[in-house]
Amino acid sequence: MSMRCPGVALLGVVLLVPCLLAQEKAEEALAQSLKEADVIFIGTIGKVEPLSQTNSIPPSTSGRVSFKVGQTLHGTVPEGATFTYTYKEGTTKNMELGTDAQVLVAAKGKGVFVIVPATEANMALVKKVLAPPK
């Protein structure tokens, strides 16, 4: 029994490290997107209106999405809070159009490129990104 424990612990570490590295890369990508945004706010998705989809594999979808704005964290949300979106199925990160919960939204111009759940971890990342440099 004592011989198996080190093997199990080692297996746990081997499986955990890639997950942590992937999570760290995803967080870095989200932080970079937030830095590039003109406007960042918390809200709920009002209406998702797909307008076009390519026949490629995987398909790319474009459309409009509207939001009910709760709290603006950076910039000014345009009147109507409606933005365009584009994503490629299975490859576009940080674009969760199907959630009913509160979301963190980042947009540049008229296009939205981040829609993620407004979790404590994501909110902490926004505060870190928006904090003045030391």
Protein backbone atom coordinates (compact mmCIF):
# COMPACT_ATOMS: atom_id res chain seq x y z
CA MET A 1 0.00 0.00 0.00
CA SER A 2 2.76 2.46 0.85
CA MET A 3 4.42 1.68 -2.49
CA ARG A 4 1.36 2.83 -4.46
CA CYS A 5 0.97 6.22 -2.76
CA PRO A 6 4.05 7.86 -4.31
CA GLY A 7 2.94 6.61 -7.72
CA VAL A 8 -0.58 7.99 -7.23
CA ALA A 9 0.81 11.32 -6.01
CA LEU A 10 3.16 11.52 -9.00
CA LEU A 11 0.30 10.72 -11.38
CA GLY A 12 -1.78 13.48 -9.76
CA VAL A 13 1.03 16.01 -10.26
CA VAL A 14 1.57 14.92 -13.88
CA LEU A 15 -2.14 15.38 -14.62
CA LEU A 16 -2.50 18.63 -12.68
CA VAL A 17 0.45 20.59 -14.12
CA PRO A 18 -0.83 20.73 -17.74
CA CYS A 19 -4.27 21.84 -16.49
CA LEU A 20 -2.71 24.65 -14.45
CA LEU A 21 -0.56 25.77 -17.38
CA ALA A 22 -3.58 25.80 -19.71
CA GLN A 23 -5.57 27.80 -17.17
CA GLU A 24 -2.72 30.30 -16.82
CA LYS A 25 -2.51 30.75 -20.62
CA ALA A 26 -6.28 31.27 -20.82
CA GLU A 27 -6.09 33.88 -18.07
CA GLU A 28 -3.25 35.68 -19.89
CA ALA A 29 -5.28 35.73 -23.12
CA LEU A 30 -8.30 37.13 -21.29
CA ALA A 31 -6.16 39.79 -19.59
CA GLN A 32 -4.71 40.86 -22.95
CA SER A 33 -8.20 41.14 -24.43
CA LEU A 34 -9.36 43.25 -21.48
CA LYS A 35 -6.37 45.59 -21.91
CA GLU A 36 -7.34 46.21 -25.56
CA ALA A 37 -11.01 46.98 -24.79
CA ASP A 38 -12.61 50.41 -25.18
CA VAL A 39 -15.45 49.46 -22.85
CA ILE A 40 -15.82 46.82 -20.12
CA PHE A 41 -19.08 46.21 -18.29
CA ILE A 42 -21.14 43.66 -16.37
CA GLY A 43 -24.59 42.79 -17.64
CA THR A 44 -26.85 40.08 -18.94
CA ILE A 45 -27.32 38.99 -22.53
CA GLY A 46 -30.52 40.40 -23.95
CA LYS A 47 -30.78 39.01 -27.48
CA VAL A 48 -28.38 37.06 -29.69
CA GLU A 49 -29.11 37.49 -33.39
CA PRO A 50 -26.94 35.35 -35.68
CA LEU A 51 -26.76 36.96 -39.13
CA SER A 52 -24.42 34.74 -41.13
CA GLN A 53 -22.46 31.50 -40.94
CA THR A 54 -19.75 30.13 -43.22
CA ASN A 55 -19.72 26.61 -44.64
CA SER A 56 -16.15 26.07 -43.46
CA ILE A 57 -15.19 23.44 -40.92
CA PRO A 58 -15.42 24.66 -38.21
CA PRO A 59 -17.99 27.30 -39.18
CA SER A 60 -17.60 31.00 -38.39
CA THR A 61 -20.71 32.81 -37.15
CA SER A 62 -21.36 36.57 -37.19
CA GLY A 63 -24.22 38.53 -35.76
CA ARG A 64 -25.43 41.07 -33.22
CA VAL A 65 -25.85 40.74 -29.49
CA SER A 66 -27.58 43.14 -27.11
CA PHE A 67 -27.05 43.47 -23.38
CA LYS A 68 -28.85 44.76 -20.32
CA VAL A 69 -26.04 46.72 -18.70
CA GLY A 70 -25.61 46.41 -14.94
CA GLN A 71 -22.35 48.16 -14.11
CA THR A 72 -19.83 49.90 -16.36
CA LEU A 73 -16.23 49.23 -15.29
CA HIS A 74 -14.32 51.04 -18.05
CA GLY A 75 -15.28 53.41 -20.87
CA THR A 76 -18.77 54.36 -22.01
CA VAL A 77 -21.34 51.80 -23.13
CA PRO A 78 -23.03 53.00 -26.36
CA GLU A 79 -26.77 53.68 -26.38
CA GLY A 80 -28.71 50.45 -26.80
CA ALA A 81 -25.72 48.29 -25.76
CA THR A 82 -25.80 46.32 -29.03
CA PHE A 83 -22.57 45.02 -30.55
CA THR A 84 -21.49 42.82 -33.44
CA TYR A 85 -19.73 39.52 -32.81
CA THR A 86 -17.81 36.92 -34.79
CA TYR A 87 -16.60 33.57 -33.56
CA LYS A 88 -15.34 30.28 -34.94
CA GLU A 89 -16.87 27.21 -33.30
CA GLY A 90 -14.46 25.36 -31.07
CA THR A 91 -11.57 27.78 -31.51
CA THR A 92 -12.74 31.23 -30.34
CA LYS A 93 -12.06 31.74 -26.65
CA ASN A 94 -13.93 33.99 -24.21
CA MET A 95 -17.15 34.15 -26.24
CA GLU A 96 -19.97 32.57 -24.22
CA LEU A 97 -23.17 33.67 -25.95
CA GLY A 98 -25.41 31.01 -24.40
CA THR A 99 -25.27 31.96 -20.73
CA ASP A 100 -28.19 33.35 -18.71
CA ALA A 101 -26.02 34.48 -15.79
CA GLN A 102 -24.34 37.85 -15.39
CA VAL A 103 -21.48 38.26 -17.83
CA LEU A 104 -18.35 40.34 -18.09
CA VAL A 105 -18.26 42.03 -21.51
CA ALA A 106 -15.36 43.72 -23.30
CA ALA A 107 -15.79 45.54 -26.60
CA LYS A 108 -13.74 47.64 -28.97
CA GLY A 109 -15.66 49.99 -31.21
CA LYS A 110 -18.88 48.28 -32.25
CA GLY A 111 -17.54 44.74 -31.84
CA VAL A 112 -17.65 42.59 -28.74
CA PHE A 113 -14.81 40.12 -28.27
CA VAL A 114 -15.17 38.98 -24.64
CA ILE A 115 -18.32 37.55 -23.07
CA VAL A 116 -17.47 35.46 -20.00
CA PRO A 117 -19.25 34.72 -16.72
CA ALA A 118 -18.81 37.50 -14.14
CA THR A 119 -17.08 35.21 -11.64
CA GLU A 120 -14.95 36.40 -8.74
CA ALA A 121 -11.81 35.26 -10.58
CA ASN A 122 -12.73 37.20 -13.75
CA MET A 123 -13.64 40.29 -11.72
CA ALA A 124 -10.29 40.11 -9.90
CA LEU A 125 -8.56 39.95 -13.28
CA VAL A 126 -10.43 43.06 -14.47
CA LYS A 127 -9.37 44.97 -11.34
CA LYS A 128 -5.79 43.89 -11.93
CA VAL A 129 -5.88 44.97 -15.59
CA LEU A 130 -7.56 48.32 -14.85
CA ALA A 131 -5.33 49.16 -11.88
CA PRO A 132 -2.94 52.04 -12.54
CA PRO A 133 0.67 50.94 -13.09
CA LYS A 134 2.88 51.03 -10.03
